[in-house]
C-alpha atoms as a PDB file:
ATOM      1  CA  MET A   1      27.192 -64.056 -21.405  1.00  0.00           C
ATOM      2  CA  ASN A   2      30.903 -63.887 -20.613  1.00  0.00           C
ATOM      3  CA  ALA A   3      31.381 -61.442 -23.492  1.00  0.00           C
ATOM      4  CA  ILE A   4      28.716 -59.165 -22.070  1.00  0.00           C
ATOM      5  CA  LEU A   5      30.230 -59.223 -18.592  1.00  0.00           C
ATOM      6  CA  ALA A   6      33.653 -58.538 -20.095  1.00  0.00           C
ATOM      7  CA  ASN A   7      32.433 -55.310 -21.731  1.00  0.00           C
ATOM      8  CA  PRO A   8      33.498 -52.425 -19.405  1.00  0.00           C
ATOM      9  CA  SER A   9      30.635 -50.125 -20.482  1.00  0.00           C
ATOM     10  CA  LEU A  10      27.979 -52.766 -19.844  1.00  0.00           C
ATOM     11  CA  ALA A  11      29.592 -53.684 -16.557  1.00  0.00           C
ATOM     12  CA  ARG A  12      29.433 -50.030 -15.412  1.00  0.00           C
ATOM     13  CA  LEU A  13      25.814 -49.862 -16.564  1.00  0.00           C
ATOM     14  CA  GLN A  14      25.009 -52.925 -14.466  1.00  0.00           C
ATOM     15  CA  ARG A  15      26.713 -51.475 -11.400  1.00  0.00           C
ATOM     16  CA  VAL A  16      24.670 -48.261 -11.713  1.00  0.00           C
ATOM     17  CA  GLY A  17      21.435 -49.617 -13.159  1.00  0.00           C
ATOM     18  CA  ILE A  18      20.740 -52.406 -10.660  1.00  0.00           C
ATOM     19  CA  PRO A  19      21.015 -50.189  -7.522  1.00  0.00           C
ATOM     20  CA  LEU A  20      19.038 -47.409  -9.259  1.00  0.00           C
ATOM     21  CA  GLY A  21      16.303 -49.872 -10.166  1.00  0.00           C
ATOM     22  CA  ALA A  22      16.171 -51.083  -6.581  1.00  0.00           C
ATOM     23  CA  VAL A  23      15.820 -47.511  -5.295  1.00  0.00           C
ATOM     24  CA  LEU A  24      13.000 -46.767  -7.760  1.00  0.00           C
ATOM     25  CA  LEU A  25      11.164 -49.952  -6.827  1.00  0.00           C
ATOM     26  CA  THR A  26      11.515 -49.102  -3.144  1.00  0.00           C
ATOM     27  CA  LEU A  27      10.110 -45.613  -3.769  1.00  0.00           C
ATOM     28  CA  PHE A  28       7.230 -47.119  -5.717  1.00  0.00           C
ATOM     29  CA  PHE A  29       6.223 -49.569  -2.989  1.00  0.00           C
ATOM     30  CA  VAL A  30       6.603 -46.874  -0.303  1.00  0.00           C
ATOM     31  CA  ALA A  31       4.423 -44.524  -2.370  1.00  0.00           C
ATOM     32  CA  ILE A  32       1.579 -46.975  -2.899  1.00  0.00           C
ATOM     33  CA  GLY A  33       1.596 -47.994   0.754  1.00  0.00           C
ATOM     34  CA  PHE A  34       1.910 -44.489   2.214  1.00  0.00           C
ATOM     35  CA  PRO A  35      -1.145 -43.225   4.208  1.00  0.00           C
ATOM     36  CA  TRP A  36      -1.849 -40.351   1.813  1.00  0.00           C
ATOM     37  CA  ASP A  37      -5.403 -39.821   3.117  1.00  0.00           C
ATOM     38  CA  ARG A  38      -4.104 -38.949   6.563  1.00  0.00           C
ATOM     39  CA  VAL A  39      -1.444 -36.680   5.051  1.00  0.00           C
ATOM     40  CA  ARG A  40      -4.152 -34.957   2.967  1.00  0.00           C
ATOM     41  CA  ASP A  41      -6.176 -34.221   6.091  1.00  0.00           C
ATOM     42  CA  ARG A  42      -3.145 -32.810   7.904  1.00  0.00           C
ATOM     43  CA  VAL A  43      -2.107 -30.682   4.902  1.00  0.00           C
ATOM     44  CA  THR A  44      -5.660 -29.365   4.567  1.00  0.00           C
ATOM     45  CA  ALA A  45      -5.827 -28.418   8.244  1.00  0.00           C
ATOM     46  CA  SER A  46      -2.354 -26.800   8.229  1.00  0.00           C
ATOM     47  CA  ALA A  47      -3.089 -24.818   5.057  1.00  0.00           C
ATOM     48  CA  GLY A  48      -6.380 -23.627   6.517  1.00  0.00           C
ATOM     49  CA  ARG A  49      -4.687 -22.368   9.698  1.00  0.00           C
ATOM     50  CA  LEU A  50      -1.841 -20.728   7.758  1.00  0.00           C
ATOM     51  CA  LEU A  51      -4.133 -18.904   5.323  1.00  0.00           C
ATOM     52  CA  GLY A  52      -6.990 -18.331   7.718  1.00  0.00           C
ATOM     53  CA  ALA A  53      -9.149 -19.955   5.070  1.00  0.00           C
ATOM     54  CA  GLU A  54     -11.454 -22.871   4.480  1.00  0.00           C
ATOM     55  CA  VAL A  55      -9.462 -25.395   2.426  1.00  0.00           C
ATOM     56  CA  ARG A  56     -10.586 -28.664   0.848  1.00  0.00           C
ATOM     57  CA  LEU A  57      -8.616 -31.273  -1.113  1.00  0.00           C
ATOM     58  CA  ALA A  58     -10.247 -34.065  -3.093  1.00  0.00           C
ATOM     59  CA  SER A  59      -7.078 -36.179  -3.220  1.00  0.00           C
ATOM     60  CA  LEU A  60      -3.347 -36.066  -2.504  1.00  0.00           C
ATOM     61  CA  GLY A  61      -0.862 -38.669  -3.695  1.00  0.00           C
ATOM     62  CA  PRO A  62       2.615 -39.341  -5.092  1.00  0.00           C
ATOM     63  CA  SER A  63       3.925 -38.041  -8.400  1.00  0.00           C
ATOM     64  CA  LEU A  64       6.993 -39.588 -10.052  1.00  0.00           C
ATOM     65  CA  SER A  65       8.857 -38.047 -13.011  1.00  0.00           C
ATOM     66  CA  LEU A  66      12.297 -38.051 -14.638  1.00  0.00           C
ATOM     67  CA  PHE A  67      13.131 -34.924 -12.606  1.00  0.00           C
ATOM     68  CA  GLY A  68      12.294 -36.431  -9.229  1.00  0.00           C
ATOM     69  CA  PRO A  69       9.434 -37.403  -6.911  1.00  0.00           C
ATOM     70  CA  GLY A  70       6.671 -35.012  -5.968  1.00  0.00           C
ATOM     71  CA  VAL A  71       3.075 -34.675  -4.896  1.00  0.00           C
ATOM     72  CA  HIS A  72      -0.065 -34.645  -7.039  1.00  0.00           C
ATOM     73  CA  VAL A  73      -3.225 -32.890  -5.834  1.00  0.00           C
ATOM     74  CA  THR A  74      -6.729 -32.776  -7.311  1.00  0.00           C
ATOM     75  CA  GLY A  75      -9.772 -30.742  -6.386  1.00  0.00           C
ATOM     76  CA  LEU A  76      -8.216 -27.954  -4.301  1.00  0.00           C
ATOM     77  CA  ASP A  77     -10.878 -25.462  -3.193  1.00  0.00           C
ATOM     78  CA  ALA A  78      -9.992 -22.600  -0.821  1.00  0.00           C
ATOM     79  CA  THR A  79     -12.095 -19.670   0.364  1.00  0.00           C
ATOM     80  CA  LEU A  80      -9.851 -16.840   1.629  1.00  0.00           C
ATOM     81  CA  PRO A  81     -10.789 -14.412   4.447  1.00  0.00           C
ATOM     82  CA  SER A  82     -11.461 -11.732   1.792  1.00  0.00           C
ATOM     83  CA  GLY A  83     -14.149 -13.981   0.339  1.00  0.00           C
ATOM     84  CA  ARG A  84     -12.108 -14.721  -2.780  1.00  0.00           C
ATOM     85  CA  ARG A  85     -12.277 -18.326  -3.881  1.00  0.00           C
ATOM     86  CA  VAL A  86      -9.246 -20.181  -5.290  1.00  0.00           C
ATOM     87  CA  VAL A  87      -9.948 -23.396  -7.211  1.00  0.00           C
ATOM     88  CA  LEU A  88      -7.438 -25.810  -8.773  1.00  0.00           C
ATOM     89  CA  ASP A  89      -8.586 -28.873 -10.661  1.00  0.00           C
ATOM     90  CA  ASP A  90      -5.138 -30.441 -10.809  1.00  0.00           C
ATOM     91  CA  ALA A  91      -1.711 -29.590  -9.326  1.00  0.00           C
ATOM     92  CA  SER A  92       1.693 -31.277  -9.383  1.00  0.00           C
ATOM     93  CA  VAL A  93       4.482 -30.061  -7.087  1.00  0.00           C
ATOM     94  CA  ARG A  94       8.064 -31.269  -6.644  1.00  0.00           C
ATOM     95  CA  PRO A  95      11.407 -29.778  -5.550  1.00  0.00           C
ATOM     96  CA  ALA A  96      12.902 -27.766  -8.429  1.00  0.00           C
ATOM     97  CA  TRP A  97      16.454 -28.004  -9.721  1.00  0.00           C
ATOM     98  CA  SER A  98      17.427 -24.419  -8.844  1.00  0.00           C
ATOM     99  CA  THR A  99      20.445 -22.586  -7.424  1.00  0.00           C
ATOM    100  CA  SER A 100      18.060 -20.637  -5.177  1.00  0.00           C
ATOM    101  CA  TRP A 101      18.328 -23.529  -2.690  1.00  0.00           C
ATOM    102  CA  LEU A 102      21.961 -22.487  -2.127  1.00  0.00           C
ATOM    103  CA  ARG A 103      20.745 -19.008  -1.127  1.00  0.00           C
ATOM    104  CA  GLY A 104      18.271 -20.395   1.401  1.00  0.00           C
ATOM    105  CA  ARG A 105      15.263 -19.925  -0.887  1.00  0.00           C
ATOM    106  CA  PRO A 106      13.383 -23.193  -1.494  1.00  0.00           C
ATOM    107  CA  ALA A 107      12.122 -23.631  -5.067  1.00  0.00           C
ATOM    108  CA  LEU A 108       9.307 -25.839  -6.301  1.00  0.00           C
ATOM    109  CA  ALA A 109       8.468 -26.978  -9.822  1.00  0.00           C
ATOM    110  CA  VAL A 110       4.711 -26.549 -10.147  1.00  0.00           C
ATOM    111  CA  ASP A 111       2.109 -27.366 -12.778  1.00  0.00           C
ATOM    112  CA  LEU A 112      -1.268 -25.907 -11.824  1.00  0.00           C
ATOM    113  CA  ARG A 113      -4.516 -26.216 -13.776  1.00  0.00           C
ATOM    114  CA  GLY A 114      -7.852 -24.661 -12.922  1.00  0.00           C
ATOM    115  CA  PRO A 115     -10.851 -22.724 -14.244  1.00  0.00           C
ATOM    116  CA  GLN A 116      -8.664 -19.646 -14.800  1.00  0.00           C
ATOM    117  CA  GLY A 117      -6.043 -21.479 -16.895  1.00  0.00           C
ATOM    118  CA  ARG A 118      -2.691 -23.186 -16.417  1.00  0.00           C
ATOM    119  CA  ALA A 119       0.579 -22.076 -14.821  1.00  0.00           C
ATOM    120  CA  ALA A 120       3.754 -24.142 -15.122  1.00  0.00           C
ATOM    121  CA  GLY A 121       7.193 -23.113 -13.905  1.00  0.00           C
ATOM    122  CA  THR A 122       9.304 -22.516 -10.809  1.00  0.00           C
ATOM    123  CA  LEU A 123       7.772 -21.161  -7.611  1.00  0.00           C
ATOM    124  CA  THR A 124      10.370 -19.679  -5.258  1.00  0.00           C
ATOM    125  CA  LEU A 125       9.497 -19.431  -1.568  1.00  0.00           C
ATOM    126  CA  GLY A 126      10.912 -17.257   1.198  1.00  0.00           C
ATOM    127  CA  THR A 127      10.652 -13.602   2.201  1.00  0.00           C
ATOM    128  CA  GLU A 128      10.423 -12.578  -1.486  1.00  0.00           C
ATOM    129  CA  PRO A 129       8.347 -15.310  -3.183  1.00  0.00           C
ATOM    130  CA  GLY A 130       8.263 -15.422  -6.965  1.00  0.00           C
ATOM    131  CA  PHE A 131       7.167 -17.331 -10.035  1.00  0.00           C
ATOM    132  CA  ASP A 132       9.063 -17.812 -13.301  1.00  0.00           C
ATOM    133  CA  GLY A 133       7.223 -19.759 -15.966  1.00  0.00           C
ATOM    134  CA  GLU A 134       4.483 -19.972 -18.540  1.00  0.00           C
ATOM    135  CA  LEU A 135       0.783 -19.205 -18.477  1.00  0.00           C
ATOM    136  CA  GLU A 136      -1.651 -20.965 -20.794  1.00  0.00           C
ATOM    137  CA  ASP A 137      -5.351 -20.468 -21.549  1.00  0.00           C
ATOM    138  CA  VAL A 138      -5.785 -17.756 -18.923  1.00  0.00           C
ATOM    139  CA  ASP A 139      -9.392 -16.506 -18.813  1.00  0.00           C
ATOM    140  CA  LEU A 140      -8.989 -12.714 -18.922  1.00  0.00           C
ATOM    141  CA  ALA A 141     -12.606 -12.143 -17.909  1.00  0.00           C
ATOM    142  CA  LYS A 142     -11.832 -13.553 -14.448  1.00  0.00           C
ATOM    143  CA  LEU A 143      -8.960 -11.143 -13.736  1.00  0.00           C
ATOM    144  CA  PRO A 144      -9.760  -8.159 -11.447  1.00  0.00           C
ATOM    145  CA  LEU A 145      -8.434  -5.579 -13.940  1.00  0.00           C
ATOM    146  CA  ASP A 146     -10.884  -2.911 -12.779  1.00  0.00           C
ATOM    147  CA  SER A 147      -8.840  -2.648  -9.577  1.00  0.00           C
ATOM    148  CA  VAL A 148      -5.805  -1.698 -11.704  1.00  0.00           C
ATOM    149  CA  LEU A 149      -7.457   0.747 -14.141  1.00  0.00           C
ATOM    150  CA  ALA A 150     -10.995   1.979 -13.503  1.00  0.00           C
ATOM    151  CA  GLY A 151     -13.379   0.961 -16.273  1.00  0.00           C
ATOM    152  CA  LEU A 152     -11.012  -1.614 -17.838  1.00  0.00           C
ATOM    153  CA  ALA A 153     -12.274  -5.123 -18.574  1.00  0.00           C
ATOM    154  CA  LEU A 154     -11.044  -7.842 -20.923  1.00  0.00           C
ATOM    155  CA  ASP A 155     -12.610 -10.950 -22.367  1.00  0.00           C
ATOM    156  CA  GLY A 156     -10.562 -13.628 -24.121  1.00  0.00           C
ATOM    157  CA  ILE A 157      -7.949 -16.312 -23.594  1.00  0.00           C
ATOM    158  CA  ALA A 158      -4.283 -15.378 -23.074  1.00  0.00           C
ATOM    159  CA  SER A 159      -0.949 -17.176 -22.875  1.00  0.00           C
ATOM    160  CA  GLY A 160       2.614 -16.032 -22.340  1.00  0.00           C
ATOM    161  CA  GLU A 161       5.569 -15.832 -19.972  1.00  0.00           C
ATOM    162  CA  VAL A 162       6.009 -14.134 -16.603  1.00  0.00           C
ATOM    163  CA  ASP A 163       8.958 -13.741 -14.250  1.00  0.00           C
ATOM    164  CA  LEU A 164       7.672 -12.047 -11.109  1.00  0.00           C
ATOM    165  CA  GLU A 165       8.568 -11.825  -7.445  1.00  0.00           C
ATOM    166  CA  ARG A 166       7.063  -9.920  -4.529  1.00  0.00           C
ATOM    167  CA  SER A 167       9.460  -7.706  -2.595  1.00  0.00           C
ATOM    168  CA  ALA A 168       8.814  -5.542   0.452  1.00  0.00           C
ATOM    169  CA  ARG A 169       7.983  -2.663  -1.923  1.00  0.00           C
ATOM    170  CA  GLY A 170       5.664  -4.667  -4.163  1.00  0.00           C
ATOM    171  CA  PRO A 171       5.843  -6.943  -7.221  1.00  0.00           C
ATOM    172  CA  ARG A 172       8.739  -6.739  -9.693  1.00  0.00           C
ATOM    173  CA  GLY A 173       9.815  -8.639 -12.782  1.00  0.00           C
ATOM    174  CA  SER A 174       8.526  -8.869 -16.346  1.00  0.00           C
ATOM    175  CA  PHE A 175       5.612 -10.185 -18.405  1.00  0.00           C
ATOM    176  CA  ASP A 176       4.941 -10.954 -22.076  1.00  0.00           C
ATOM    177  CA  LEU A 177       1.361 -11.976 -22.818  1.00  0.00           C
ATOM    178  CA  HIS A 178      -0.666 -12.609 -25.981  1.00  0.00           C
ATOM    179  CA  ALA A 179      -4.420 -13.056 -26.439  1.00  0.00           C
ATOM    180  CA  LYS A 180      -6.697 -13.865 -29.374  1.00  0.00           C
ATOM    181  CA  GLY A 181     -10.390 -13.540 -30.122  1.00  0.00           C
ATOM    182  CA  GLY A 182     -11.682 -11.361 -27.289  1.00  0.00           C
ATOM    183  CA  SER A 183     -12.930  -7.901 -26.441  1.00  0.00           C
ATOM    184  CA  VAL A 184     -11.837  -4.930 -24.352  1.00  0.00           C
ATOM    185  CA  ALA A 185     -13.974  -2.444 -22.425  1.00  0.00           C
ATOM    186  CA  LEU A 186     -12.335   0.970 -21.967  1.00  0.00           C
ATOM    187  CA  PRO A 187     -13.155   3.930 -19.730  1.00  0.00           C
ATOM    188  CA  GLY A 188     -15.582   6.281 -21.467  1.00  0.00           C
ATOM    189  CA  VAL A 189     -16.471   3.846 -24.257  1.00  0.00           C
ATOM    190  CA  PRO A 190     -20.084   2.595 -23.987  1.00  0.00           C
ATOM    191  CA  VAL A 191     -19.497  -0.835 -25.587  1.00  0.00           C
ATOM    192  CA  ALA A 192     -16.747  -3.458 -25.479  1.00  0.00           C
ATOM    193  CA  LEU A 193     -14.568  -3.451 -28.597  1.00  0.00           C
ATOM    194  CA  PRO A 194     -13.694  -6.819 -30.166  1.00  0.00           C
ATOM    195  CA  PHE A 195     -10.079  -7.681 -30.965  1.00  0.00           C
ATOM    196  CA  GLU A 196      -8.407 -10.357 -33.054  1.00  0.00           C
ATOM    197  CA  THR A 197      -5.039 -10.129 -31.309  1.00  0.00           C
ATOM    198  CA  LEU A 198      -3.801  -8.386 -28.175  1.00  0.00           C
ATOM    199  CA  ALA A 199      -0.181  -8.305 -27.002  1.00  0.00           C
ATOM    200  CA  ALA A 200       1.141  -6.767 -23.769  1.00  0.00           C
ATOM    201  CA  ARG A 201       4.635  -6.708 -22.337  1.00  0.00           C
ATOM    202  CA  GLY A 202       6.492  -4.688 -19.729  1.00  0.00           C
ATOM    203  CA  SER A 203       8.481  -4.693 -16.515  1.00  0.00           C
ATOM    204  CA  LEU A 204       7.508  -4.189 -12.886  1.00  0.00           C
ATOM    205  CA  THR A 205      10.055  -2.344 -10.746  1.00  0.00           C
ATOM    206  CA  ASP A 206      10.271  -0.841  -7.258  1.00  0.00           C
ATOM    207  CA  ALA A 207       9.565   2.560  -8.838  1.00  0.00           C
ATOM    208  CA  ALA A 208       6.891   1.609 -11.390  1.00  0.00           C
ATOM    209  CA  LEU A 209       3.923  -0.704 -11.605  1.00  0.00           C
ATOM    210  CA  ALA A 210       4.711  -1.006 -15.339  1.00  0.00           C
ATOM    211  CA  GLU A 211       7.903   0.244 -16.987  1.00  0.00           C
ATOM    212  CA  GLY A 212       8.445   0.063 -20.740  1.00  0.00           C
ATOM    213  CA  LEU A 213       4.813  -0.919 -21.172  1.00  0.00           C
ATOM    214  CA  ALA A 214       3.824  -1.831 -24.733  1.00  0.00           C
ATOM    215  CA  ILE A 215       0.284  -2.870 -25.659  1.00  0.00           C
ATOM    216  CA  GLU A 216      -0.817  -3.586 -29.227  1.00  0.00           C
ATOM    217  CA  LEU A 217      -4.390  -4.349 -30.251  1.00  0.00           C
ATOM    218  CA  GLU A 218      -5.679  -5.399 -33.672  1.00  0.00           C
ATOM    219  CA  GLY A 219      -9.432  -5.620 -34.238  1.00  0.00           C
ATOM    220  CA  PRO A 220     -12.151  -5.288 -36.865  1.00  0.00           C
ATOM    221  CA  MET A 221     -13.251  -1.897 -35.474  1.00  0.00           C
ATOM    222  CA  LEU A 222      -9.931  -0.288 -34.559  1.00  0.00           C
ATOM    223  CA  THR A 223      -6.238  -0.820 -33.952  1.00  0.00           C
ATOM    224  CA  ALA A 224      -4.431   0.673 -30.989  1.00  0.00           C
ATOM    225  CA  ALA A 225      -0.959   0.962 -29.516  1.00  0.00           C
ATOM    226  CA  VAL A 226      -0.201   2.088 -25.967  1.00  0.00           C
ATOM    227  CA  SER A 227       3.304   2.694 -24.626  1.00  0.00           C
ATOM    228  CA  GLY A 228       4.835   4.335 -21.596  1.00  0.00           C
ATOM    229  CA  ARG A 229       4.820   3.998 -17.842  1.00  0.00           C
ATOM    230  CA  VAL A 230       2.498   3.432 -14.893  1.00  0.00           C
ATOM    231  CA  GLY A 231       4.001   4.686 -11.635  1.00  0.00           C
ATOM    232  CA  GLN A 232       3.973   2.988  -8.263  1.00  0.00           C
ATOM    233  CA  ALA A 233       1.390   3.980  -5.642  1.00  0.00           C
ATOM    234  CA  GLU A 234      -0.679   2.604  -2.792  1.00  0.00           C
ATOM    235  CA  PRO A 235      -3.502   2.041  -3.434  1.00  0.00           C
ATOM    236  CA  VAL A 236      -2.978   0.976  -7.055  1.00  0.00           C
ATOM    237  CA  LEU A 237      -5.797   3.225  -8.313  1.00  0.00           C
ATOM    238  CA  SER A 238      -3.648   6.222  -7.265  1.00  0.00           C
ATOM    239  CA  ALA A 239      -0.790   5.151  -9.585  1.00  0.00           C
ATOM    240  CA  PRO A 240       0.176   8.007 -11.969  1.00  0.00           C
ATOM    241  CA  LEU A 241      -0.160   7.371 -15.721  1.00  0.00           C
ATOM    242  CA  ASP A 242       2.259   8.542 -18.402  1.00  0.00           C
ATOM    243  CA  LEU A 243       1.135   6.746 -21.561  1.00  0.00           C
ATOM    244  CA  ASP A 244       1.153   7.504 -25.275  1.00  0.00           C
ATOM    245  CA  VAL A 245      -1.951   6.268 -27.090  1.00  0.00           C
ATOM    246  CA  ARG A 246      -2.283   5.805 -30.843  1.00  0.00           C
ATOM    247  CA  VAL A 247      -5.585   4.675 -32.339  1.00  0.00           C
ATOM    248  CA  ARG A 248      -6.722   4.083 -35.911  1.00  0.00           C
ATOM    249  CA  VAL A 249     -10.407   3.558 -36.645  1.00  0.00           C
ATOM    250  CA  VAL A 250     -11.083   0.715 -39.074  1.00  0.00           C
ATOM    251  CA  ASP A 251     -14.887   0.899 -38.901  1.00  0.00           C
ATOM    252  CA  PRO A 252     -16.050   4.563 -39.222  1.00  0.00           C
ATOM    253  CA  SER A 253     -19.377   3.733 -37.548  1.00  0.00           C
ATOM    254  CA  ILE A 254     -17.721   3.595 -34.127  1.00  0.00           C
ATOM    255  CA  ARG A 255     -16.467   7.210 -34.202  1.00  0.00           C
ATOM    256  CA  PRO A 256     -19.577   8.535 -32.396  1.00  0.00           C
ATOM    257  CA  MET A 257     -18.995   5.996 -29.614  1.00  0.00           C
ATOM    258  CA  LEU A 258     -15.443   7.303 -29.131  1.00  0.00           C
ATOM    259  CA  ALA A 259     -16.493  10.935 -28.989  1.00  0.00           C
ATOM    260  CA  GLY A 260     -16.667  10.905 -25.189  1.00  0.00           C
ATOM    261  CA  THR A 261     -13.025   9.855 -24.858  1.00  0.00           C
ATOM    262  CA  GLY A 262     -11.673  13.128 -26.183  1.00  0.00           C
ATOM    263  CA  LEU A 263      -9.857  11.492 -29.096  1.00  0.00           C
ATOM    264  CA  ARG A 264      -9.489  13.756 -32.147  1.00  0.00           C
ATOM    265  CA  PHE A 265      -9.306  11.798 -35.370  1.00  0.00           C
ATOM    266  CA  GLY A 266      -7.557  12.890 -38.540  1.00  0.00           C
ATOM    267  CA  PRO A 267      -8.877  12.316 -42.071  1.00  0.00           C
ATOM    268  CA  ASP A 268      -7.300   8.846 -42.142  1.00  0.00           C
ATOM    269  CA  GLY A 269      -9.114   7.819 -38.944  1.00  0.00           C
ATOM    270  CA  SER A 270      -6.035   7.968 -36.722  1.00  0.00           C
ATOM    271  CA  ALA A 271      -5.533   9.797 -33.447  1.00  0.00           C
ATOM    272  CA  ALA A 272      -2.588  10.292 -31.074  1.00  0.00           C
ATOM    273  CA  MET A 273      -3.191  11.290 -27.474  1.00  0.00           C
ATOM    274  CA  LYS A 274      -1.571  11.307 -24.043  1.00  0.00           C
ATOM    275  CA  LEU A 275      -3.099   9.331 -21.165  1.00  0.00           C
ATOM    276  CA  THR A 276      -2.316  10.949 -17.809  1.00  0.00           C
ATOM    277  CA  GLY A 277      -3.988  11.290 -14.447  1.00  0.00           C
ATOM    278  CA  THR A 278      -4.150   8.201 -12.261  1.00  0.00           C
ATOM    279  CA  ALA A 279      -5.304   4.624 -12.724  1.00  0.00           C
ATOM    280  CA  GLY A 280      -8.481   5.520 -10.845  1.00  0.00           C
ATOM    281  CA  ARG A 281      -9.071   8.752 -12.790  1.00  0.00           C
ATOM    282  CA  PRO A 282      -7.447   8.489 -16.238  1.00  0.00           C
ATOM    283  CA  LEU A 283      -7.339  11.620 -18.408  1.00  0.00           C
ATOM    284  CA  LEU A 284      -6.877  11.808 -22.176  1.00  0.00           C
ATOM    285  CA  ARG A 285      -5.423  14.955 -23.741  1.00  0.00           C
END
């Protein structure tokens, strides 16, 4: 025992470890005795007033991790004034280790799971809120893509990385997403086309809804590559398009279905066109 106490490293460990253990035990007993039900009711009421929405929470309680204490929520169900419903099965939130706090922008580490997939990363609050993190198992069928490009719809599960923030002029940042085993419905094409892989990446700027856009699709019927730019406009369906489209037909039986798009195929089944017009009225030439 004397030998242990004589060891400087172990002595320092004792001086640090015993107080730290006491703090953690105190936090634990405070957490289990805290009136979380009353806090849940107050949070629900405050969130409802702030959003002008009907908000329900199944439970709210403490969350402890190596990175600090936080809050764990289950069964969040909110109906917004627009009628849109937001559902989260499970959510963990804690203060994030971020330099944005020094700039007066609070940051939260979030891990959100719901019917539409999972989002985990850093949520920055303030006048220009943003999110930097990963998306997993996002259900593409539940995204309102038709409001971005008329006639566009996707089915499949996607994952990837996003770094986005909303400024006074709109969203900006970058995205890099990948999907497998789905289908895509395109303007002027009567049936949805299946794909094996779909990759999309680009940047959002004050001047463009998508800059440096690159989309690659591989499927049993066709392969396609889209690159270029989607300008900024309000509403979004008025955004100007400047996109290069390259398509190669794998299954010749679908050529009649693509006739209405204006694509002109060469002997090898490939076609190169320009997509212009606006998101609401796209034109191929």
